[in-house]
Amino acid sequence: MKILGIGNAIVDVICRVDENFIKKNDLSKGLMKLFFDYEEFDQLLTNLKIEKTVSGGSVANSIVALSQLGNNVGFIGKISDDNFGIKYEEGLIKENVNYLYSKKKETLPTGTCLILVTPDSERTMCTYLGVAGKISNEDLNTSDLKESEIIFLEGYLWDEGEPQKAFEKAILNSNKTAMSLSDQFCVDRHKTNFLDLVKNKLDITFANEGEITSLINAKNFNEVITFGKEIKKHLVITRGNKGAISIINNEVFEVEAKKNLKIIDLTGAGDLFAAGYLHGYINKFSPQECLDEGTEMSSRIIQKIGARI
């Protein structure tokens, strides 16, 4: 297998609602609310008509895009043997992704992100992580890890305890390990551990400018470049309308952002950039071509709704 992704298995449940639904349920339009009480979350979902379900999650989005680009890929994400768990598994299999997790009935339900689309096309999200964040080293098959050229990990999934043990097992048994820092909140929460991963354990790190700047407490972007050269790893940084760079050992490569795009939805931009870049990397593209491929994929996805090409 070329790439095996390990991340949060989240079912995106898309429903159309009117403005009154957002106000009535005390939601902040256009933002994401994290639910910790499943009964409260389930009550919100009960009276809605589901328009579409998508097997989501950050690394899962990247893995699906890699499959669409013709690569042999797999994914491990924890689900329960429930209605949404079945839909999640079916969704990935439909995209020709090898789903390497054997679901069973869990205490917690499958992770779900309710995406509420109002008539103005604004997306308001309600997320219940459920069992998704409870991955353990027992959920990872050593032979699956060793038989993959690259393991791609999701920063969102990292946490002390069982998820940390799962990360350690994945890294120990991988041929190469890549990881997305995922979100600045994740970086700030796990800064010491993430810095150790980036400097000492990962072969390839994906981050946006805000995440990497926060990770190393940089005052400017020149300090980021200096850090990248010092660690002598493979660091890939997206910079929004400033384009993207990669730092490989002492070399710096750069690509400009595409101009005159009709930007509709930024959902999945980083996920699809990583997919394009990794597609280039595993198919022996030059560093510059990898950046070009990542930029092409992210440019395509932000001109449509959702995180699927």
C-alpha atoms as a PDB file:
ATOM      1  CA  MET A   1       0.000   0.000   0.000  1.00  0.00           C
ATOM      2  CA  LYS A   2       1.289   3.466  -0.847  1.00  0.00           C
ATOM      3  CA  ILE A   3      -0.171   5.488   2.036  1.00  0.00           C
ATOM      4  CA  LEU A   4      -2.091   4.491   5.165  1.00  0.00           C
ATOM      5  CA  GLY A   5      -3.962   7.315   6.900  1.00  0.00           C
ATOM      6  CA  ILE A   6      -4.830   7.225  10.590  1.00  0.00           C
ATOM      7  CA  GLY A   7      -7.277   9.851  11.826  1.00  0.00           C
ATOM      8  CA  ASN A   8     -10.652  10.831  13.196  1.00  0.00           C
ATOM      9  CA  ALA A   9     -13.488   8.953  11.499  1.00  0.00           C
ATOM     10  CA  ILE A  10     -16.234  11.559  11.358  1.00  0.00           C
ATOM     11  CA  VAL A  11     -19.454  11.191   9.378  1.00  0.00           C
ATOM     12  CA  ASP A  12     -20.424  14.511   7.799  1.00  0.00           C
ATOM     13  CA  VAL A  13     -24.213  14.707   7.867  1.00  0.00           C
ATOM     14  CA  ILE A  14     -25.466  17.452   5.560  1.00  0.00           C
ATOM     15  CA  CYS A  15     -28.915  18.963   6.152  1.00  0.00           C
ATOM     16  CA  ARG A  16     -30.626  22.062   4.773  1.00  0.00           C
ATOM     17  CA  VAL A  17     -32.242  24.304   7.369  1.00  0.00           C
ATOM     18  CA  ASP A  18     -33.788  27.756   7.533  1.00  0.00           C
ATOM     19  CA  GLU A  19     -32.388  30.725   9.458  1.00  0.00           C
ATOM     20  CA  ASN A  20     -34.870  30.177  12.261  1.00  0.00           C
ATOM     21  CA  PHE A  21     -33.434  26.715  13.032  1.00  0.00           C
ATOM     22  CA  ILE A  22     -30.016  28.264  13.728  1.00  0.00           C
ATOM     23  CA  LYS A  23     -31.507  30.918  16.040  1.00  0.00           C
ATOM     24  CA  LYS A  24     -33.893  28.538  17.793  1.00  0.00           C
ATOM     25  CA  ASN A  25     -31.063  26.170  18.719  1.00  0.00           C
ATOM     26  CA  ASP A  26     -28.754  28.960  19.879  1.00  0.00           C
ATOM     27  CA  LEU A  27     -26.086  28.212  17.260  1.00  0.00           C
ATOM     28  CA  SER A  28     -23.561  30.725  15.919  1.00  0.00           C
ATOM     29  CA  LYS A  29     -24.059  30.886  12.186  1.00  0.00           C
ATOM     30  CA  GLY A  30     -20.983  29.946  10.166  1.00  0.00           C
ATOM     31  CA  LEU A  31     -19.101  28.532  13.164  1.00  0.00           C
ATOM     32  CA  MET A  32     -18.547  25.078  14.664  1.00  0.00           C
ATOM     33  CA  LYS A  33     -19.955  23.994  18.016  1.00  0.00           C
ATOM     34  CA  LEU A  34     -18.511  20.959  19.806  1.00  0.00           C
ATOM     35  CA  PHE A  35     -21.088  18.835  21.653  1.00  0.00           C
ATOM     36  CA  PHE A  36     -20.150  16.700  24.673  1.00  0.00           C
ATOM     37  CA  ASP A  37     -23.677  15.518  25.515  1.00  0.00           C
ATOM     38  CA  TYR A  38     -24.851  12.954  22.953  1.00  0.00           C
ATOM     39  CA  GLU A  39     -28.509  13.258  23.927  1.00  0.00           C
ATOM     40  CA  GLU A  40     -28.402  16.995  23.225  1.00  0.00           C
ATOM     41  CA  PHE A  41     -26.679  16.356  19.879  1.00  0.00           C
ATOM     42  CA  ASP A  42     -29.072  13.552  18.938  1.00  0.00           C
ATOM     43  CA  GLN A  43     -32.073  15.716  19.754  1.00  0.00           C
ATOM     44  CA  LEU A  44     -30.805  18.309  17.288  1.00  0.00           C
ATOM     45  CA  LEU A  45     -30.530  15.666  14.576  1.00  0.00           C
ATOM     46  CA  THR A  46     -33.854  13.943  15.256  1.00  0.00           C
ATOM     47  CA  ASN A  47     -36.127  16.383  13.448  1.00  0.00           C
ATOM     48  CA  LEU A  48     -33.890  17.009  10.455  1.00  0.00           C
ATOM     49  CA  LYS A  49     -34.055  15.506   6.993  1.00  0.00           C
ATOM     50  CA  ILE A  50     -30.610  14.157   6.058  1.00  0.00           C
ATOM     51  CA  GLU A  51     -29.674  15.213   2.548  1.00  0.00           C
ATOM     52  CA  LYS A  52     -26.293  13.501   2.306  1.00  0.00           C
ATOM     53  CA  THR A  53     -23.700  11.673   4.394  1.00  0.00           C
ATOM     54  CA  VAL A  54     -19.960  11.798   3.649  1.00  0.00           C
ATOM     55  CA  SER A  55     -17.143   9.805   5.262  1.00  0.00           C
ATOM     56  CA  GLY A  56     -15.121  12.738   6.565  1.00  0.00           C
ATOM     57  CA  GLY A  57     -12.302  13.704   8.867  1.00  0.00           C
ATOM     58  CA  SER A  58      -9.152  15.612   7.885  1.00  0.00           C
ATOM     59  CA  VAL A  59      -6.808  12.748   6.964  1.00  0.00           C
ATOM     60  CA  ALA A  60      -9.716  10.750   5.537  1.00  0.00           C
ATOM     61  CA  ASN A  61     -10.327  13.653   3.120  1.00  0.00           C
ATOM     62  CA  SER A  62      -6.667  13.465   2.045  1.00  0.00           C
ATOM     63  CA  ILE A  63      -6.796   9.693   1.647  1.00  0.00           C
ATOM     64  CA  VAL A  64      -9.929   9.817  -0.527  1.00  0.00           C
ATOM     65  CA  ALA A  65      -8.294  12.426  -2.771  1.00  0.00           C
ATOM     66  CA  LEU A  66      -5.176  10.247  -3.044  1.00  0.00           C
ATOM     67  CA  SER A  67      -7.400   7.346  -4.086  1.00  0.00           C
ATOM     68  CA  GLN A  68      -9.088   9.558  -6.697  1.00  0.00           C
ATOM     69  CA  LEU A  69      -5.624  10.340  -8.051  1.00  0.00           C
ATOM     70  CA  GLY A  70      -5.094   6.618  -8.626  1.00  0.00           C
ATOM     71  CA  ASN A  71      -3.056   5.608  -5.578  1.00  0.00           C
ATOM     72  CA  ASN A  72      -3.447   2.434  -3.508  1.00  0.00           C
ATOM     73  CA  VAL A  73      -4.335   3.797  -0.068  1.00  0.00           C
ATOM     74  CA  GLY A  74      -5.914   2.753   3.215  1.00  0.00           C
ATOM     75  CA  PHE A  75      -7.409   4.333   6.301  1.00  0.00           C
ATOM     76  CA  ILE A  76      -7.819   3.473   9.976  1.00  0.00           C
ATOM     77  CA  GLY A  77     -10.368   5.404  11.997  1.00  0.00           C
ATOM     78  CA  LYS A  78     -12.421   4.233  14.961  1.00  0.00           C
ATOM     79  CA  ILE A  79     -16.170   3.817  14.457  1.00  0.00           C
ATOM     80  CA  SER A  80     -18.941   1.959  16.239  1.00  0.00           C
ATOM     81  CA  ASP A  81     -21.110  -0.741  14.676  1.00  0.00           C
ATOM     82  CA  ASP A  82     -24.073   1.605  14.363  1.00  0.00           C
ATOM     83  CA  ASN A  83     -25.973   3.246  11.508  1.00  0.00           C
ATOM     84  CA  PHE A  84     -23.471   6.046  10.937  1.00  0.00           C
ATOM     85  CA  GLY A  85     -20.535   3.661  11.395  1.00  0.00           C
ATOM     86  CA  ILE A  86     -21.900   1.435   8.618  1.00  0.00           C
ATOM     87  CA  LYS A  87     -22.381   4.487   6.377  1.00  0.00           C
ATOM     88  CA  TYR A  88     -18.820   5.628   7.123  1.00  0.00           C
ATOM     89  CA  GLU A  89     -17.286   2.303   6.145  1.00  0.00           C
ATOM     90  CA  GLU A  90     -19.426   2.050   3.001  1.00  0.00           C
ATOM     91  CA  GLY A  91     -18.460   5.593   1.996  1.00  0.00           C
ATOM     92  CA  LEU A  92     -14.726   4.894   2.090  1.00  0.00           C
ATOM     93  CA  ILE A  93     -15.027   1.541   0.329  1.00  0.00           C
ATOM     94  CA  LYS A  94     -17.023   3.280  -2.420  1.00  0.00           C
ATOM     95  CA  GLU A  95     -14.027   5.606  -2.899  1.00  0.00           C
ATOM     96  CA  ASN A  96     -11.696   2.588  -3.332  1.00  0.00           C
ATOM     97  CA  VAL A  97     -10.048   3.155   0.051  1.00  0.00           C
ATOM     98  CA  ASN A  98      -8.944   0.051   1.968  1.00  0.00           C
ATOM     99  CA  TYR A  99     -10.746   0.514   5.299  1.00  0.00           C
ATOM    100  CA  LEU A 100      -8.572  -1.350   7.774  1.00  0.00           C
ATOM    101  CA  TYR A 101     -10.642  -1.170  10.937  1.00  0.00           C
ATOM    102  CA  SER A 102     -12.997  -3.878  12.188  1.00  0.00           C
ATOM    103  CA  LYS A 103     -15.930  -2.107  13.796  1.00  0.00           C
ATOM    104  CA  LYS A 104     -17.699  -3.427  16.864  1.00  0.00           C
ATOM    105  CA  LYS A 105     -20.452  -2.153  19.126  1.00  0.00           C
ATOM    106  CA  GLU A 106     -18.899   0.581  21.257  1.00  0.00           C
ATOM    107  CA  THR A 107     -20.160   2.403  24.340  1.00  0.00           C
ATOM    108  CA  LEU A 108     -19.863   5.680  22.418  1.00  0.00           C
ATOM    109  CA  PRO A 109     -21.429   6.175  18.958  1.00  0.00           C
ATOM    110  CA  THR A 110     -19.618   6.942  15.717  1.00  0.00           C
ATOM    111  CA  GLY A 111     -18.298  10.496  15.510  1.00  0.00           C
ATOM    112  CA  THR A 112     -20.592  12.844  13.608  1.00  0.00           C
ATOM    113  CA  CYS A 113     -20.408  16.371  12.215  1.00  0.00           C
ATOM    114  CA  LEU A 114     -23.803  17.862  11.484  1.00  0.00           C
ATOM    115  CA  ILE A 115     -23.423  20.421   8.681  1.00  0.00           C
ATOM    116  CA  LEU A 116     -26.383  22.781   8.576  1.00  0.00           C
ATOM    117  CA  VAL A 117     -26.693  24.647   5.280  1.00  0.00           C
ATOM    118  CA  THR A 118     -28.863  27.776   5.310  1.00  0.00           C
ATOM    119  CA  PRO A 119     -30.439  29.279   2.146  1.00  0.00           C
ATOM    120  CA  ASP A 120     -27.463  31.657   1.737  1.00  0.00           C
ATOM    121  CA  SER A 121     -25.135  28.567   1.481  1.00  0.00           C
ATOM    122  CA  GLU A 122     -23.512  29.337   4.843  1.00  0.00           C
ATOM    123  CA  ARG A 123     -22.406  26.195   6.727  1.00  0.00           C
ATOM    124  CA  THR A 124     -22.887  25.910  10.496  1.00  0.00           C
ATOM    125  CA  MET A 125     -21.317  22.813  12.054  1.00  0.00           C
ATOM    126  CA  CYS A 126     -22.208  20.792  15.147  1.00  0.00           C
ATOM    127  CA  THR A 127     -19.694  18.077  16.031  1.00  0.00           C
ATOM    128  CA  TYR A 128     -19.874  15.122  18.381  1.00  0.00           C
ATOM    129  CA  LEU A 129     -16.582  13.188  18.377  1.00  0.00           C
ATOM    130  CA  GLY A 130     -17.993  10.032  19.937  1.00  0.00           C
ATOM    131  CA  VAL A 131     -15.667   7.059  19.660  1.00  0.00           C
ATOM    132  CA  ALA A 132     -13.485   8.676  16.950  1.00  0.00           C
ATOM    133  CA  GLY A 133     -10.945  10.103  19.377  1.00  0.00           C
ATOM    134  CA  LYS A 134     -10.611   6.907  21.424  1.00  0.00           C
ATOM    135  CA  ILE A 135      -8.190   5.086  19.119  1.00  0.00           C
ATOM    136  CA  SER A 136      -5.652   2.806  20.805  1.00  0.00           C
ATOM    137  CA  ASN A 137      -2.602   0.815  19.735  1.00  0.00           C
ATOM    138  CA  GLU A 138      -4.810  -2.299  19.706  1.00  0.00           C
ATOM    139  CA  ASP A 139      -6.736  -0.766  16.808  1.00  0.00           C
ATOM    140  CA  LEU A 140      -3.587  -0.778  14.629  1.00  0.00           C
ATOM    141  CA  ASN A 141      -2.370  -3.929  12.881  1.00  0.00           C
ATOM    142  CA  THR A 142       1.434  -4.042  12.817  1.00  0.00           C
ATOM    143  CA  SER A 143       1.615  -5.736   9.410  1.00  0.00           C
ATOM    144  CA  ASP A 144      -0.642  -3.030   7.877  1.00  0.00           C
ATOM    145  CA  LEU A 145       1.731  -0.388   9.222  1.00  0.00           C
ATOM    146  CA  LYS A 146       4.879  -2.106   7.969  1.00  0.00           C
ATOM    147  CA  GLU A 147       3.454  -2.799   4.509  1.00  0.00           C
ATOM    148  CA  SER A 148       2.676   0.877   3.825  1.00  0.00           C
ATOM    149  CA  GLU A 149       5.233   3.191   2.244  1.00  0.00           C
ATOM    150  CA  ILE A 150       4.004   6.156   4.318  1.00  0.00           C
ATOM    151  CA  ILE A 151       1.836   6.432   7.435  1.00  0.00           C
ATOM    152  CA  PHE A 152      -0.090   9.732   7.472  1.00  0.00           C
ATOM    153  CA  LEU A 153      -1.196  10.810  10.957  1.00  0.00           C
ATOM    154  CA  GLU A 154      -3.691  13.460  12.007  1.00  0.00           C
ATOM    155  CA  GLY A 155      -2.795  15.986  14.703  1.00  0.00           C
ATOM    156  CA  TYR A 156      -6.453  16.252  15.725  1.00  0.00           C
ATOM    157  CA  LEU A 157      -6.250  12.638  16.912  1.00  0.00           C
ATOM    158  CA  TRP A 158      -3.245  13.070  19.212  1.00  0.00           C
ATOM    159  CA  ASP A 159      -3.954  13.049  22.910  1.00  0.00           C
ATOM    160  CA  GLU A 160      -2.264  11.685  26.004  1.00  0.00           C
ATOM    161  CA  GLY A 161      -3.110   8.115  26.943  1.00  0.00           C
ATOM    162  CA  GLU A 162      -4.313   5.585  24.383  1.00  0.00           C
ATOM    163  CA  PRO A 163      -4.079   7.847  21.287  1.00  0.00           C
ATOM    164  CA  GLN A 164      -0.455   8.657  22.188  1.00  0.00           C
ATOM    165  CA  LYS A 165       0.332   4.922  22.415  1.00  0.00           C
ATOM    166  CA  ALA A 166      -1.306   4.440  18.991  1.00  0.00           C
ATOM    167  CA  PHE A 167       0.899   7.189  17.518  1.00  0.00           C
ATOM    168  CA  GLU A 168       4.007   5.611  19.054  1.00  0.00           C
ATOM    169  CA  LYS A 169       3.131   2.211  17.595  1.00  0.00           C
ATOM    170  CA  ALA A 170       2.460   3.716  14.159  1.00  0.00           C
ATOM    171  CA  ILE A 171       5.754   5.629  14.128  1.00  0.00           C
ATOM    172  CA  LEU A 172       7.766   2.666  15.434  1.00  0.00           C
ATOM    173  CA  ASN A 173       6.450   0.368  12.685  1.00  0.00           C
ATOM    174  CA  SER A 174       6.362   2.809   9.757  1.00  0.00           C
ATOM    175  CA  ASN A 175       8.747   3.065   6.831  1.00  0.00           C
ATOM    176  CA  LYS A 176       8.111   6.823   6.681  1.00  0.00           C
ATOM    177  CA  THR A 177       5.794   8.906   8.858  1.00  0.00           C
ATOM    178  CA  ALA A 178       3.978  12.089   7.843  1.00  0.00           C
ATOM    179  CA  MET A 179       1.648  14.153  10.008  1.00  0.00           C
ATOM    180  CA  SER A 180      -0.584  17.191   9.697  1.00  0.00           C
ATOM    181  CA  LEU A 181      -0.494  19.577  12.663  1.00  0.00           C
ATOM    182  CA  SER A 182      -4.230  20.014  11.934  1.00  0.00           C
ATOM    183  CA  ASP A 183      -5.122  23.172  13.821  1.00  0.00           C
ATOM    184  CA  GLN A 184      -3.513  25.955  15.861  1.00  0.00           C
ATOM    185  CA  PHE A 185      -5.644  24.964  18.852  1.00  0.00           C
ATOM    186  CA  CYS A 186      -4.102  21.473  18.677  1.00  0.00           C
ATOM    187  CA  VAL A 187      -0.614  22.958  18.439  1.00  0.00           C
ATOM    188  CA  ASP A 188      -1.120  25.248  21.424  1.00  0.00           C
ATOM    189  CA  ARG A 189      -2.616  22.431  23.491  1.00  0.00           C
ATOM    190  CA  HIS A 190       0.104  19.858  22.700  1.00  0.00           C
ATOM    191  CA  LYS A 191       3.061  22.128  21.901  1.00  0.00           C
ATOM    192  CA  THR A 192       5.790  20.195  23.744  1.00  0.00           C
ATOM    193  CA  ASN A 193       4.734  16.837  22.301  1.00  0.00           C
ATOM    194  CA  PHE A 194       4.177  18.180  18.784  1.00  0.00           C
ATOM    195  CA  LEU A 195       7.584  19.872  18.781  1.00  0.00           C
ATOM    196  CA  ASP A 196       9.200  16.583  19.781  1.00  0.00           C
ATOM    197  CA  LEU A 197       7.362  14.786  16.971  1.00  0.00           C
ATOM    198  CA  VAL A 198       8.371  17.348  14.345  1.00  0.00           C
ATOM    199  CA  LYS A 199      12.029  17.512  15.396  1.00  0.00           C
ATOM    200  CA  ASN A 200      12.700  13.876  16.223  1.00  0.00           C
ATOM    201  CA  LYS A 201      10.072  11.414  14.967  1.00  0.00           C
ATOM    202  CA  LEU A 202       8.308  12.567  11.796  1.00  0.00           C
ATOM    203  CA  ASP A 203       9.778  12.388   8.302  1.00  0.00           C
ATOM    204  CA  ILE A 204       7.287  14.858   6.765  1.00  0.00           C
ATOM    205  CA  THR A 205       5.268  17.527   8.568  1.00  0.00           C
ATOM    206  CA  PHE A 206       2.368  19.492   7.044  1.00  0.00           C
ATOM    207  CA  ALA A 207       1.390  22.791   8.674  1.00  0.00           C
ATOM    208  CA  ASN A 208      -0.016  26.167   7.814  1.00  0.00           C
ATOM    209  CA  GLU A 209       1.914  29.314   8.652  1.00  0.00           C
ATOM    210  CA  GLY A 210      -0.021  30.013  11.843  1.00  0.00           C
ATOM    211  CA  GLU A 211       0.469  26.488  13.194  1.00  0.00           C
ATOM    212  CA  ILE A 212       4.227  26.303  12.606  1.00  0.00           C
ATOM    213  CA  THR A 213       4.782  29.868  13.855  1.00  0.00           C
ATOM    214  CA  SER A 214       2.942  29.019  17.069  1.00  0.00           C
ATOM    215  CA  LEU A 215       4.756  25.686  17.456  1.00  0.00           C
ATOM    216  CA  ILE A 216       8.214  27.290  17.574  1.00  0.00           C
ATOM    217  CA  ASN A 217       7.143  30.705  18.949  1.00  0.00           C
ATOM    218  CA  ALA A 218       8.584  32.384  15.854  1.00  0.00           C
ATOM    219  CA  LYS A 219       8.567  36.177  15.587  1.00  0.00           C
ATOM    220  CA  ASN A 220       8.659  36.114  11.784  1.00  0.00           C
ATOM    221  CA  PHE A 221       8.678  33.670   8.876  1.00  0.00           C
ATOM    222  CA  ASN A 222      12.471  33.815   8.495  1.00  0.00           C
ATOM    223  CA  GLU A 223      12.702  32.075  11.874  1.00  0.00           C
ATOM    224  CA  VAL A 224      10.446  29.321  10.517  1.00  0.00           C
ATOM    225  CA  ILE A 225      12.768  28.790   7.559  1.00  0.00           C
ATOM    226  CA  THR A 226      15.798  28.711   9.865  1.00  0.00           C
ATOM    227  CA  PHE A 227      14.065  26.129  12.067  1.00  0.00           C
ATOM    228  CA  GLY A 228      13.208  23.995   9.027  1.00  0.00           C
ATOM    229  CA  LYS A 229      16.827  23.961   7.884  1.00  0.00           C
ATOM    230  CA  GLU A 230      18.134  23.194  11.364  1.00  0.00           C
ATOM    231  CA  ILE A 231      15.993  20.092  11.949  1.00  0.00           C
ATOM    232  CA  LYS A 232      17.002  18.671   8.544  1.00  0.00           C
ATOM    233  CA  LYS A 233      13.625  17.020   7.959  1.00  0.00           C
ATOM    234  CA  HIS A 234      10.875  17.589   5.387  1.00  0.00           C
ATOM    235  CA  LEU A 235       8.613  20.488   6.328  1.00  0.00           C
ATOM    236  CA  VAL A 236       5.697  21.602   4.106  1.00  0.00           C
ATOM    237  CA  ILE A 237       3.985  24.902   4.936  1.00  0.00           C
ATOM    238  CA  THR A 238       0.917  26.448   3.334  1.00  0.00           C
ATOM    239  CA  ARG A 239       0.649  30.253   3.503  1.00  0.00           C
ATOM    240  CA  GLY A 240      -2.791  31.098   2.096  1.00  0.00           C
ATOM    241  CA  ASN A 241      -2.547  33.743  -0.617  1.00  0.00           C
ATOM    242  CA  LYS A 242       1.248  33.756  -0.213  1.00  0.00           C
ATOM    243  CA  GLY A 243       1.442  30.239  -1.659  1.00  0.00           C
ATOM    244  CA  ALA A 244       3.378  27.395  -0.043  1.00  0.00           C
ATOM    245  CA  ILE A 245       6.929  26.284   0.643  1.00  0.00           C
ATOM    246  CA  SER A 246       8.758  23.086   1.454  1.00  0.00           C
ATOM    247  CA  ILE A 247      12.019  22.879   3.365  1.00  0.00           C
ATOM    248  CA  ILE A 248      13.933  19.674   2.685  1.00  0.00           C
ATOM    249  CA  ASN A 249      17.168  19.484   4.644  1.00  0.00           C
ATOM    250  CA  ASN A 250      18.827  22.816   3.707  1.00  0.00           C
ATOM    251  CA  GLU A 251      16.862  23.478   0.527  1.00  0.00           C
ATOM    252  CA  VAL A 252      13.800  25.705   0.249  1.00  0.00           C
ATOM    253  CA  PHE A 253      11.248  25.345  -2.550  1.00  0.00           C
ATOM    254  CA  GLU A 254       8.355  27.727  -3.160  1.00  0.00           C
ATOM    255  CA  VAL A 255       5.148  27.994  -5.156  1.00  0.00           C
ATOM    256  CA  GLU A 256       2.815  30.966  -5.599  1.00  0.00           C
ATOM    257  CA  ALA A 257      -0.887  30.769  -4.900  1.00  0.00           C
ATOM    258  CA  LYS A 258      -3.121  30.553  -7.956  1.00  0.00           C
ATOM    259  CA  LYS A 259      -4.764  33.837  -8.904  1.00  0.00           C
ATOM    260  CA  ASN A 260      -8.317  34.803  -9.915  1.00  0.00           C
ATOM    261  CA  LEU A 261     -10.025  31.833  -8.258  1.00  0.00           C
ATOM    262  CA  LYS A 262     -13.734  31.910  -7.500  1.00  0.00           C
ATOM    263  CA  ILE A 263     -13.448  30.866  -3.857  1.00  0.00           C
ATOM    264  CA  ILE A 264     -16.665  29.311  -2.547  1.00  0.00           C
ATOM    265  CA  ASP A 265     -15.671  27.181   0.459  1.00  0.00           C
ATOM    266  CA  LEU A 266     -12.284  26.772   2.178  1.00  0.00           C
ATOM    267  CA  THR A 267     -13.293  23.427   3.729  1.00  0.00           C
ATOM    268  CA  GLY A 268     -10.650  20.803   2.978  1.00  0.00           C
ATOM    269  CA  ALA A 269      -8.085  23.165   1.421  1.00  0.00           C
ATOM    270  CA  GLY A 270      -5.256  21.911   3.632  1.00  0.00           C
ATOM    271  CA  ASP A 271      -6.395  18.290   3.373  1.00  0.00           C
ATOM    272  CA  LEU A 272      -6.384  18.382  -0.417  1.00  0.00           C
ATOM    273  CA  PHE A 273      -3.060  20.247  -0.538  1.00  0.00           C
ATOM    274  CA  ALA A 274      -1.519  17.428   1.514  1.00  0.00           C
ATOM    275  CA  ALA A 275      -3.079  14.854  -0.821  1.00  0.00           C
ATOM    276  CA  GLY A 276      -1.651  16.511  -3.920  1.00  0.00           C
ATOM    277  CA  TYR A 277       1.767  16.892  -2.332  1.00  0.00           C
ATOM    278  CA  LEU A 278       1.903  13.287  -1.116  1.00  0.00           C
ATOM    279  CA  HIS A 279       0.712  12.071  -4.523  1.00  0.00           C
ATOM    280  CA  GLY A 280       3.703  13.793  -6.056  1.00  0.00           C
ATOM    281  CA  TYR A 281       6.064  12.534  -3.372  1.00  0.00           C
ATOM    282  CA  ILE A 282       5.185   8.831  -3.624  1.00  0.00           C
ATOM    283  CA  ASN A 283       5.235   9.005  -7.409  1.00  0.00           C
ATOM    284  CA  LYS A 284       8.777  10.470  -7.444  1.00  0.00           C
ATOM    285  CA  PHE A 285       7.868  14.004  -8.539  1.00  0.00           C
ATOM    286  CA  SER A 286      10.447  16.725  -7.954  1.00  0.00           C
ATOM    287  CA  PRO A 287       9.972  18.898  -4.819  1.00  0.00           C
ATOM    288  CA  GLN A 288       8.734  21.746  -7.011  1.00  0.00           C
ATOM    289  CA  GLU A 289       6.248  19.470  -8.772  1.00  0.00           C
ATOM    290  CA  CYS A 290       4.973  18.223  -5.397  1.00  0.00           C
ATOM    291  CA  LEU A 291       4.188  21.818  -4.390  1.00  0.00           C
ATOM    292  CA  ASP A 292       2.532  22.437  -7.750  1.00  0.00           C
ATOM    293  CA  GLU A 293       0.346  19.335  -7.343  1.00  0.00           C
ATOM    294  CA  GLY A 294      -0.665  20.335  -3.826  1.00  0.00           C
ATOM    295  CA  THR A 295      -1.556  23.829  -4.979  1.00  0.00           C
ATOM    296  CA  GLU A 296      -3.588  22.471  -7.898  1.00  0.00           C
ATOM    297  CA  MET A 297      -5.640  20.217  -5.620  1.00  0.00           C
ATOM    298  CA  SER A 298      -6.306  22.888  -2.989  1.00  0.00           C
ATOM    299  CA  SER A 299      -7.240  25.404  -5.697  1.00  0.00           C
ATOM    300  CA  ARG A 300      -9.791  23.006  -7.127  1.00  0.00           C
ATOM    301  CA  ILE A 301     -11.446  22.200  -3.805  1.00  0.00           C
ATOM    302  CA  ILE A 302     -11.940  25.800  -2.626  1.00  0.00           C
ATOM    303  CA  GLN A 303     -13.968  26.547  -5.755  1.00  0.00           C
ATOM    304  CA  LYS A 304     -16.723  24.111  -4.741  1.00  0.00           C
ATOM    305  CA  ILE A 305     -18.712  23.133  -1.646  1.00  0.00           C
ATOM    306  CA  GLY A 306     -17.267  20.403   0.568  1.00  0.00           C
ATOM    307  CA  ALA A 307     -13.987  18.497   0.718  1.00  0.00           C
ATOM    308  CA  ARG A 308     -14.477  16.096  -2.201  1.00  0.00           C
ATOM    309  CA  ILE A 309     -13.299  16.649  -5.763  1.00  0.00           C
END
